């Protein structure tokens, strides 16, 4: 496993040895966060993934049988491709995380924090959940609440405004972006991410908005520091 510490600039999260990734759906860890997860693994971190739903409400892959079971298997394969040490998949209703009592989601994140003892947490940026999906925002807000209680730093995966504008114009999507000066650019290698994405056969539809995002960003991802490391109260 190559050591990239000497090759890449110091960026937030580079010194984390245990990382907890909190996402809403199977494939979020790959299409969205895959390159960042790969980077953490190559830096020597132990990465755990908490996925809150089985993604059964997706319109992609619908009608092919038990989509929830298929997506669970896809997540397991993708996490292995990314080098994740642990994957926890829950079964909250896909598309309805924002309707749940926030204490339920926070308890899920709390349990995973206690099990994995992360140095940092990686989530979708809560501004619109990046993609406009309320599940993404609900997952991130639960993670942020728990992190605040423990003084754990949190990084949010985010998009530049120009990238979100192109995606929205081309696909009628609702991506939310930030000015570049509010983001930290991180150079990434997308080979492991590509392998993980292809594990999600039910969702990896050619020509989709997910693929165009990867093309627009090239070998760079962007994050925001959502919560710095602090001593818990």
Protein backbone atom coordinates (compact mmCIF):
# COMPACT_ATOMS: atom_id res chain seq x y z
CA UNK A 1 0.00 0.00 0.00
CA UNK A 2 1.69 3.23 -1.09
CA UNK A 3 2.23 5.97 1.47
CA UNK A 4 0.89 9.20 0.00
CA UNK A 5 1.70 11.43 2.96
CA UNK A 6 4.94 12.64 1.38
CA UNK A 7 3.32 13.26 -2.02
CA UNK A 8 0.18 15.24 -1.16
CA UNK A 9 -0.29 18.52 0.70
CA UNK A 10 -1.53 18.38 4.25
CA UNK A 11 -5.30 18.71 4.21
CA UNK A 12 -7.98 18.32 6.86
CA UNK A 13 -8.35 14.69 7.92
CA UNK A 14 -4.91 13.57 6.75
CA UNK A 15 -3.90 12.60 10.29
CA UNK A 16 -7.04 10.60 11.08
CA UNK A 17 -6.26 6.96 11.87
CA UNK A 18 -9.89 5.87 12.28
CA UNK A 19 -12.57 7.37 10.05
CA UNK A 20 -16.32 6.93 10.29
CA UNK A 21 -18.30 7.56 7.10
CA UNK A 22 -22.01 8.23 7.62
CA UNK A 23 -24.24 8.02 4.54
CA UNK A 24 -27.91 7.52 3.73
CA UNK A 25 -27.87 5.01 0.88
CA UNK A 26 -25.77 2.20 -0.60
CA UNK A 27 -23.65 3.76 -3.39
CA UNK A 28 -23.25 7.10 -1.53
CA UNK A 29 -19.97 5.76 -0.20
CA UNK A 30 -18.78 5.01 -3.75
CA UNK A 31 -20.16 7.54 -6.22
CA UNK A 32 -19.80 10.44 -3.77
CA UNK A 33 -17.14 9.61 -1.19
CA UNK A 34 -15.24 6.77 -2.83
CA UNK A 35 -12.11 8.72 -3.76
CA UNK A 36 -11.91 10.31 -0.31
CA UNK A 37 -12.34 6.93 1.36
CA UNK A 38 -9.62 5.49 -0.86
CA UNK A 39 -7.31 8.33 0.08
CA UNK A 40 -7.90 7.74 3.78
CA UNK A 41 -7.21 4.03 3.38
CA UNK A 42 -4.00 4.71 1.45
CA UNK A 43 -2.93 7.05 4.24
CA UNK A 44 -3.25 4.10 6.61
CA UNK A 45 -6.62 4.88 8.20
CA UNK A 46 -9.18 2.29 9.26
CA UNK A 47 -12.41 3.32 7.59
CA UNK A 48 -15.86 2.27 8.79
CA UNK A 49 -19.09 2.95 6.90
CA UNK A 50 -22.50 3.45 8.49
CA UNK A 51 -25.29 3.36 5.90
CA UNK A 52 -28.74 4.19 7.26
CA UNK A 53 -31.02 2.72 4.57
CA UNK A 54 -30.96 -0.13 2.09
CA UNK A 55 -31.86 2.13 -0.82
CA UNK A 56 -35.01 0.21 -1.67
CA UNK A 57 -36.84 3.28 -3.00
CA UNK A 58 -34.44 3.89 -5.88
CA UNK A 59 -36.06 4.13 -9.30
CA UNK A 60 -32.87 2.65 -10.75
CA UNK A 61 -32.92 -1.13 -10.67
CA UNK A 62 -36.58 -1.23 -9.71
CA UNK A 63 -38.45 -4.29 -10.93
CA UNK A 64 -35.38 -6.54 -10.82
CA UNK A 65 -36.41 -8.46 -7.70
CA UNK A 66 -35.47 -7.70 -4.11
CA UNK A 67 -33.72 -4.36 -4.64
CA UNK A 68 -32.94 -3.90 -0.94
CA UNK A 69 -31.09 -7.23 -0.84
CA UNK A 70 -29.31 -6.48 -4.10
CA UNK A 71 -28.15 -3.09 -2.89
CA UNK A 72 -26.97 -4.57 0.42
CA UNK A 73 -24.78 -7.00 -1.51
CA UNK A 74 -23.53 -4.20 -3.74
CA UNK A 75 -22.57 -2.13 -0.71
CA UNK A 76 -20.62 -5.02 0.78
CA UNK A 77 -18.69 -5.55 -2.46
CA UNK A 78 -18.04 -1.83 -2.94
CA UNK A 79 -16.79 -1.34 0.60
CA UNK A 80 -14.40 -4.23 0.08
CA UNK A 81 -13.16 -2.64 -3.16
CA UNK A 82 -12.47 0.60 -1.28
CA UNK A 83 -10.63 -1.18 1.52
CA UNK A 84 -13.13 -0.37 4.28
CA UNK A 85 -12.59 -2.25 7.52
CA UNK A 86 -16.22 -2.30 8.68
CA UNK A 87 -19.63 -1.74 7.11
CA UNK A 88 -22.86 -1.36 9.06
CA UNK A 89 -26.08 -1.33 7.06
CA UNK A 90 -29.35 -0.33 8.75
CA UNK A 91 -32.89 -0.55 7.41
CA UNK A 92 -34.53 2.80 7.99
CA UNK A 93 -37.04 3.65 5.24
CA UNK A 94 -35.36 4.96 2.13
CA UNK A 95 -36.58 8.47 1.34
CA UNK A 96 -37.97 9.07 4.82
CA UNK A 97 -34.97 9.74 7.07
CA UNK A 98 -36.02 13.35 7.52
CA UNK A 99 -39.37 12.14 8.90
CA UNK A 100 -37.82 10.08 11.68
CA UNK A 101 -37.28 11.34 15.20
CA UNK A 102 -33.80 12.84 15.09
CA UNK A 103 -32.97 10.95 18.27
CA UNK A 104 -33.30 7.66 16.40
CA UNK A 105 -30.65 8.55 13.82
CA UNK A 106 -28.42 10.11 16.44
CA UNK A 107 -28.61 6.90 18.49
CA UNK A 108 -27.50 4.94 15.42
CA UNK A 109 -24.52 7.22 14.88
CA UNK A 110 -23.74 7.20 18.61
CA UNK A 111 -23.60 3.40 18.62
CA UNK A 112 -21.21 3.40 15.68
CA UNK A 113 -19.01 6.07 17.25
CA UNK A 114 -18.73 4.01 20.41
CA UNK A 115 -17.91 0.89 18.37
CA UNK A 116 -15.29 2.46 16.08
CA UNK A 117 -13.88 5.36 18.15
CA UNK A 118 -13.18 7.54 15.09
CA UNK A 119 -10.70 10.41 14.96
CA UNK A 120 -12.98 12.06 12.42
CA UNK A 121 -16.27 11.68 10.58
CA UNK A 122 -16.89 12.10 6.84
CA UNK A 123 -20.37 13.03 5.59
CA UNK A 124 -22.19 14.76 2.76
CA UNK A 125 -22.19 18.53 3.17
CA UNK A 126 -25.51 19.35 4.88
CA UNK A 127 -26.28 22.23 2.46
CA UNK A 128 -29.02 20.50 0.52
CA UNK A 129 -27.28 17.22 1.25
CA UNK A 130 -25.17 18.14 -1.83
CA UNK A 131 -27.62 16.42 -4.20
CA UNK A 132 -30.83 17.92 -2.87
CA UNK A 133 -31.91 14.59 -1.32
CA UNK A 134 -33.35 15.13 2.20
CA UNK A 135 -32.00 11.75 3.33
CA UNK A 136 -28.45 12.99 2.81
CA UNK A 137 -29.04 16.06 4.92
CA UNK A 138 -30.72 14.06 7.70
CA UNK A 139 -27.81 11.62 7.85
CA UNK A 140 -25.25 14.41 7.99
CA UNK A 141 -27.10 16.41 10.63
CA UNK A 142 -27.35 13.34 12.87
CA UNK A 143 -23.61 12.74 12.50
CA UNK A 144 -22.85 16.39 13.27
CA UNK A 145 -24.96 16.32 16.43
CA UNK A 146 -23.20 13.25 17.76
CA UNK A 147 -19.78 14.56 16.76
CA UNK A 148 -20.43 17.76 18.68
CA UNK A 149 -21.12 15.81 21.84
CA UNK A 150 -17.82 13.96 21.52
CA UNK A 151 -15.66 16.75 20.12
CA UNK A 152 -15.02 14.77 16.92
CA UNK A 153 -14.06 16.75 13.80
CA UNK A 154 -16.29 16.41 10.76
CA UNK A 155 -15.54 16.90 7.07
CA UNK A 156 -18.32 17.44 4.57
CA UNK A 157 -17.93 16.33 0.96
CA UNK A 158 -19.04 19.27 -1.17
CA UNK A 159 -19.17 20.61 -4.72
CA UNK A 160 -17.98 23.89 -6.22
CA UNK A 161 -20.83 26.12 -7.38
CA UNK A 162 -19.76 25.88 -11.02
CA UNK A 163 -19.92 22.08 -10.96
CA UNK A 164 -23.34 22.07 -9.31
CA UNK A 165 -24.59 24.60 -11.87
CA UNK A 166 -23.52 22.42 -14.81
CA UNK A 167 -25.10 19.31 -13.29
CA UNK A 168 -28.34 21.12 -12.58
CA UNK A 169 -28.50 22.67 -16.04
CA UNK A 170 -27.78 19.38 -17.80
CA UNK A 171 -29.93 17.08 -15.69
CA UNK A 172 -32.59 19.21 -14.04
CA UNK A 173 -31.03 18.25 -10.72
CA UNK A 174 -30.87 20.13 -7.42
CA UNK A 175 -27.20 20.00 -6.48
CA UNK A 176 -25.99 22.63 -4.01
CA UNK A 177 -22.50 24.09 -4.33
CA UNK A 178 -20.13 26.44 -2.55
CA UNK A 179 -17.72 29.16 -3.70
CA UNK A 180 -14.24 27.74 -4.21
CA UNK A 181 -12.81 29.90 -1.43
CA UNK A 182 -15.02 28.07 1.06
CA UNK A 183 -13.70 24.65 0.02
CA UNK A 184 -10.51 22.65 0.39
CA UNK A 185 -9.37 20.85 -2.75
CA UNK A 186 -7.98 17.35 -2.26
CA UNK A 187 -6.13 15.49 -5.04
CA UNK A 188 -7.47 11.96 -5.42
CA UNK A 189 -6.88 8.74 -7.31
CA UNK A 190 -10.14 7.37 -8.70
CA UNK A 191 -9.10 3.80 -9.55
CA UNK A 192 -10.50 2.18 -6.39
CA UNK A 193 -13.55 4.42 -6.57
CA UNK A 194 -14.19 3.26 -10.12
CA UNK A 195 -14.03 -0.37 -9.03
CA UNK A 196 -16.43 0.37 -6.17
CA UNK A 197 -18.87 2.23 -8.41
CA UNK A 198 -19.05 -0.74 -10.75
CA UNK A 199 -20.03 -2.93 -7.82
CA UNK A 200 -23.30 -0.96 -7.71
CA UNK A 201 -24.64 -2.49 -10.90
CA UNK A 202 -28.24 -1.55 -10.14
CA UNK A 203 -27.33 2.16 -9.88
CA UNK A 204 -24.39 2.65 -12.25
CA UNK A 205 -26.45 3.71 -15.25
CA UNK A 206 -24.29 5.06 -18.12
CA UNK A 207 -24.76 8.75 -18.84
CA UNK A 208 -26.29 9.55 -15.46
CA UNK A 209 -25.59 12.68 -13.44
CA UNK A 210 -23.34 10.62 -11.18
CA UNK A 211 -20.93 9.89 -13.99
CA UNK A 212 -20.84 13.48 -15.21
CA UNK A 213 -19.88 14.70 -11.76
CA UNK A 214 -16.83 12.44 -11.80
CA UNK A 215 -15.88 13.72 -15.23
CA UNK A 216 -16.23 17.37 -14.21
CA UNK A 217 -14.11 17.00 -11.08
CA UNK A 218 -11.32 14.96 -12.64
CA UNK A 219 -8.70 14.07 -10.03
CA UNK A 220 -9.88 16.51 -7.35
CA UNK A 221 -12.55 16.35 -4.65
CA UNK A 222 -13.64 19.16 -2.35
CA UNK A 223 -14.50 19.24 1.34
CA UNK A 224 -15.60 21.71 3.99
CA UNK A 225 -14.58 21.59 7.63
CA UNK A 226 -17.98 21.30 9.27
CA UNK A 227 -16.69 20.82 12.82
CA UNK A 228 -13.12 21.15 14.09
CA UNK A 229 -11.71 18.93 16.80
CA UNK A 230 -12.72 20.20 20.22
CA UNK A 231 -12.73 18.85 23.74
CA UNK A 232 -16.18 17.46 24.52
CA UNK A 233 -18.14 19.26 27.23
